[in-house]
Amino acid sequence: MITIAALLVSWFVFTGLVRLLKVAVGTAIKIAAVLFIIQIFFGIGPETIWERLMQFSSQIFQTGK
């Protein structure tokens, strides 16, 4: 009985992790596509995007204090 319950719990955890991985990979592909489009059409490189993200995050943390 315990073995069957353990197998069921393992199966639910496994399927949940597979679904989570699918969502994460899908989101990563969408973000990469958006960044690629920004780079191609607007000429904004990864360094510029990274600098803006760092500025934005520092502003958020400074206003949160």
N, C-alpha and C. Protein backbone atom coordinates (compact mmCIF):
# COMPACT_ATOMS: atom_id res chain seq x y z
N MET A 1 0.82 -1.19 0.00
CA MET A 1 0.00 0.00 0.00
C MET A 1 0.87 1.27 0.00
N ILE A 2 1.92 1.24 0.84
CA ILE A 2 2.81 2.40 0.90
C ILE A 2 3.56 2.58 -0.42
N THR A 3 3.92 1.47 -1.04
CA THR A 3 4.64 1.54 -2.32
C THR A 3 3.77 2.18 -3.40
N ILE A 4 2.51 1.83 -3.43
CA ILE A 4 1.59 2.41 -4.42
C ILE A 4 1.41 3.90 -4.16
N ALA A 5 1.26 4.28 -2.90
CA ALA A 5 1.12 5.70 -2.56
C ALA A 5 2.40 6.47 -2.93
N ALA A 6 3.55 5.88 -2.67
CA ALA A 6 4.81 6.54 -3.02
C ALA A 6 4.95 6.70 -4.52
N LEU A 7 4.53 5.68 -5.26
CA LEU A 7 4.58 5.78 -6.72
C LEU A 7 3.64 6.86 -7.24
N LEU A 8 2.46 6.95 -6.66
CA LEU A 8 1.52 8.00 -7.08
C LEU A 8 2.07 9.40 -6.78
N VAL A 9 2.60 9.57 -5.59
CA VAL A 9 3.18 10.88 -5.24
C VAL A 9 4.35 11.20 -6.16
N SER A 10 5.19 10.22 -6.43
CA SER A 10 6.32 10.43 -7.33
C SER A 10 5.85 10.81 -8.72
N TRP A 11 4.80 10.16 -9.18
CA TRP A 11 4.26 10.45 -10.52
C TRP A 11 3.72 11.88 -10.57
N PHE A 12 2.98 12.30 -9.54
CA PHE A 12 2.45 13.66 -9.52
C PHE A 12 3.56 14.70 -9.47
N VAL A 13 4.58 14.45 -8.68
CA VAL A 13 5.71 15.37 -8.61
C VAL A 13 6.42 15.43 -9.96
N PHE A 14 6.64 14.29 -10.57
CA PHE A 14 7.32 14.24 -11.87
C PHE A 14 6.54 15.01 -12.93
N THR A 15 5.22 14.76 -13.02
CA THR A 15 4.43 15.45 -14.04
C THR A 15 4.38 16.95 -13.75
N GLY A 16 4.34 17.33 -12.48
CA GLY A 16 4.37 18.75 -12.15
C GLY A 16 5.67 19.41 -12.56
N LEU A 17 6.77 18.72 -12.34
CA LEU A 17 8.07 19.27 -12.74
C LEU A 17 8.20 19.35 -14.26
N VAL A 18 7.66 18.39 -14.97
CA VAL A 18 7.69 18.43 -16.43
C VAL A 18 6.89 19.61 -16.94
N ARG A 19 5.72 19.84 -16.36
CA ARG A 19 4.91 21.00 -16.76
C ARG A 19 5.62 22.31 -16.46
N LEU A 20 6.26 22.37 -15.30
CA LEU A 20 7.01 23.57 -14.93
C LEU A 20 8.16 23.82 -15.89
N LEU A 21 8.84 22.77 -16.29
CA LEU A 21 9.95 22.89 -17.23
C LEU A 21 9.45 23.36 -18.59
N LYS A 22 8.30 22.86 -19.03
CA LYS A 22 7.73 23.31 -20.30
C LYS A 22 7.42 24.80 -20.28
N VAL A 23 6.84 25.25 -19.18
CA VAL A 23 6.51 26.68 -19.05
C VAL A 23 7.78 27.52 -19.03
N ALA A 24 8.79 27.07 -18.29
CA ALA A 24 10.05 27.83 -18.18
C ALA A 24 10.75 27.92 -19.54
N VAL A 25 10.80 26.81 -20.26
CA VAL A 25 11.45 26.82 -21.57
C VAL A 25 10.67 27.70 -22.54
N GLY A 26 9.35 27.61 -22.51
CA GLY A 26 8.53 28.45 -23.38
C GLY A 26 8.74 29.92 -23.10
N THR A 27 8.80 30.28 -21.82
CA THR A 27 9.03 31.68 -21.45
C THR A 27 10.42 32.15 -21.89
N ALA A 28 11.42 31.30 -21.72
CA ALA A 28 12.78 31.66 -22.12
C ALA A 28 12.86 31.87 -23.63
N ILE A 29 12.18 31.04 -24.39
CA ILE A 29 12.18 31.21 -25.85
C ILE A 29 11.49 32.50 -26.24
N LYS A 30 10.39 32.84 -25.58
CA LYS A 30 9.70 34.09 -25.89
C LYS A 30 10.56 35.30 -25.56
N ILE A 31 11.24 35.27 -24.42
CA ILE A 31 12.12 36.38 -24.04
C ILE A 31 13.27 36.51 -25.04
N ALA A 32 13.85 35.39 -25.44
CA ALA A 32 14.93 35.42 -26.42
C ALA A 32 14.45 35.98 -27.75
N ALA A 33 13.24 35.63 -28.16
CA ALA A 33 12.69 36.15 -29.42
C ALA A 33 12.48 37.65 -29.34
N VAL A 34 11.95 38.13 -28.22
CA VAL A 34 11.75 39.57 -28.07
C VAL A 34 13.07 40.31 -28.09
N LEU A 35 14.07 39.79 -27.38
CA LEU A 35 15.38 40.43 -27.38
C LEU A 35 16.02 40.42 -28.76
N PHE A 36 15.83 39.34 -29.48
CA PHE A 36 16.37 39.26 -30.85
C PHE A 36 15.71 40.28 -31.75
N ILE A 37 14.39 40.43 -31.64
CA ILE A 37 13.67 41.41 -32.45
C ILE A 37 14.10 42.82 -32.11
N ILE A 38 14.28 43.09 -30.82
CA ILE A 38 14.75 44.42 -30.40
C ILE A 38 16.12 44.70 -30.99
N GLN A 39 16.98 43.70 -30.96
CA GLN A 39 18.33 43.89 -31.48
C GLN A 39 18.33 44.10 -32.99
N ILE A 40 17.53 43.35 -33.71
CA ILE A 40 17.50 43.46 -35.17
C ILE A 40 16.86 44.76 -35.62
N PHE A 41 15.67 45.07 -35.11
CA PHE A 41 14.92 46.22 -35.62
C PHE A 41 15.35 47.55 -35.04
N PHE A 42 15.80 47.57 -33.79
CA PHE A 42 16.14 48.84 -33.16
C PHE A 42 17.63 49.02 -32.92
N GLY A 43 18.42 48.00 -33.16
CA GLY A 43 19.86 48.10 -32.99
C GLY A 43 20.31 48.20 -31.55
N ILE A 44 19.47 47.78 -30.64
CA ILE A 44 19.82 47.83 -29.22
C ILE A 44 20.49 46.51 -28.86
N GLY A 45 21.73 46.58 -28.41
CA GLY A 45 22.49 45.38 -28.11
C GLY A 45 22.24 44.85 -26.70
N PRO A 46 22.75 43.68 -26.43
CA PRO A 46 22.57 43.07 -25.11
C PRO A 46 23.16 43.88 -23.97
N GLU A 47 24.28 44.57 -24.23
CA GLU A 47 24.90 45.37 -23.18
C GLU A 47 23.99 46.50 -22.75
N THR A 48 23.34 47.15 -23.70
CA THR A 48 22.44 48.25 -23.40
C THR A 48 21.24 47.76 -22.60
N ILE A 49 20.69 46.64 -23.02
CA ILE A 49 19.54 46.08 -22.31
C ILE A 49 19.94 45.71 -20.89
N TRP A 50 21.11 45.10 -20.73
CA TRP A 50 21.57 44.70 -19.40
C TRP A 50 21.78 45.92 -18.50
N GLU A 51 22.37 47.00 -19.05
CA GLU A 51 22.57 48.22 -18.27
C GLU A 51 21.24 48.81 -17.81
N ARG A 52 20.27 48.83 -18.71
CA ARG A 52 18.94 49.36 -18.35
C ARG A 52 18.26 48.51 -17.28
N LEU A 53 18.41 47.20 -17.39
CA LEU A 53 17.83 46.32 -16.37
C LEU A 53 18.47 46.55 -15.01
N MET A 54 19.79 46.74 -14.99
CA MET A 54 20.48 46.99 -13.72
C MET A 54 20.06 48.33 -13.12
N GLN A 55 19.91 49.36 -13.97
CA GLN A 55 19.45 50.65 -13.48
C GLN A 55 18.04 50.55 -12.92
N PHE A 56 17.19 49.84 -13.63
CA PHE A 56 15.81 49.67 -13.20
C PHE A 56 15.73 48.93 -11.87
N SER A 57 16.51 47.85 -11.75
CA SER A 57 16.46 47.08 -10.50
C SER A 57 17.03 47.89 -9.33
N SER A 58 18.07 48.68 -9.57
CA SER A 58 18.61 49.49 -8.47
C SER A 58 17.62 50.57 -8.06
N GLN A 59 16.88 51.12 -9.01
CA GLN A 59 15.86 52.11 -8.67
C GLN A 59 14.74 51.49 -7.85
N ILE A 60 14.36 50.28 -8.19
CA ILE A 60 13.30 49.60 -7.45
C ILE A 60 13.74 49.34 -6.02
N PHE A 61 14.98 48.87 -5.83
CA PHE A 61 15.45 48.55 -4.50
C PHE A 61 15.69 49.81 -3.67
N GLN A 62 16.08 50.92 -4.31
CA GLN A 62 16.31 52.16 -3.58
C GLN A 62 14.98 52.77 -3.12
N THR A 63 13.95 52.67 -3.94
CA THR A 63 12.66 53.24 -3.54
C THR A 63 11.96 52.35 -2.53
N GLY A 64 12.34 51.08 -2.45
CA GLY A 64 11.73 50.17 -1.50
C GLY A 64 12.21 50.33 -0.08
N LYS A 65 13.32 51.05 0.13
CA LYS A 65 13.89 51.21 1.47
C LYS A 65 13.16 52.23 2.27
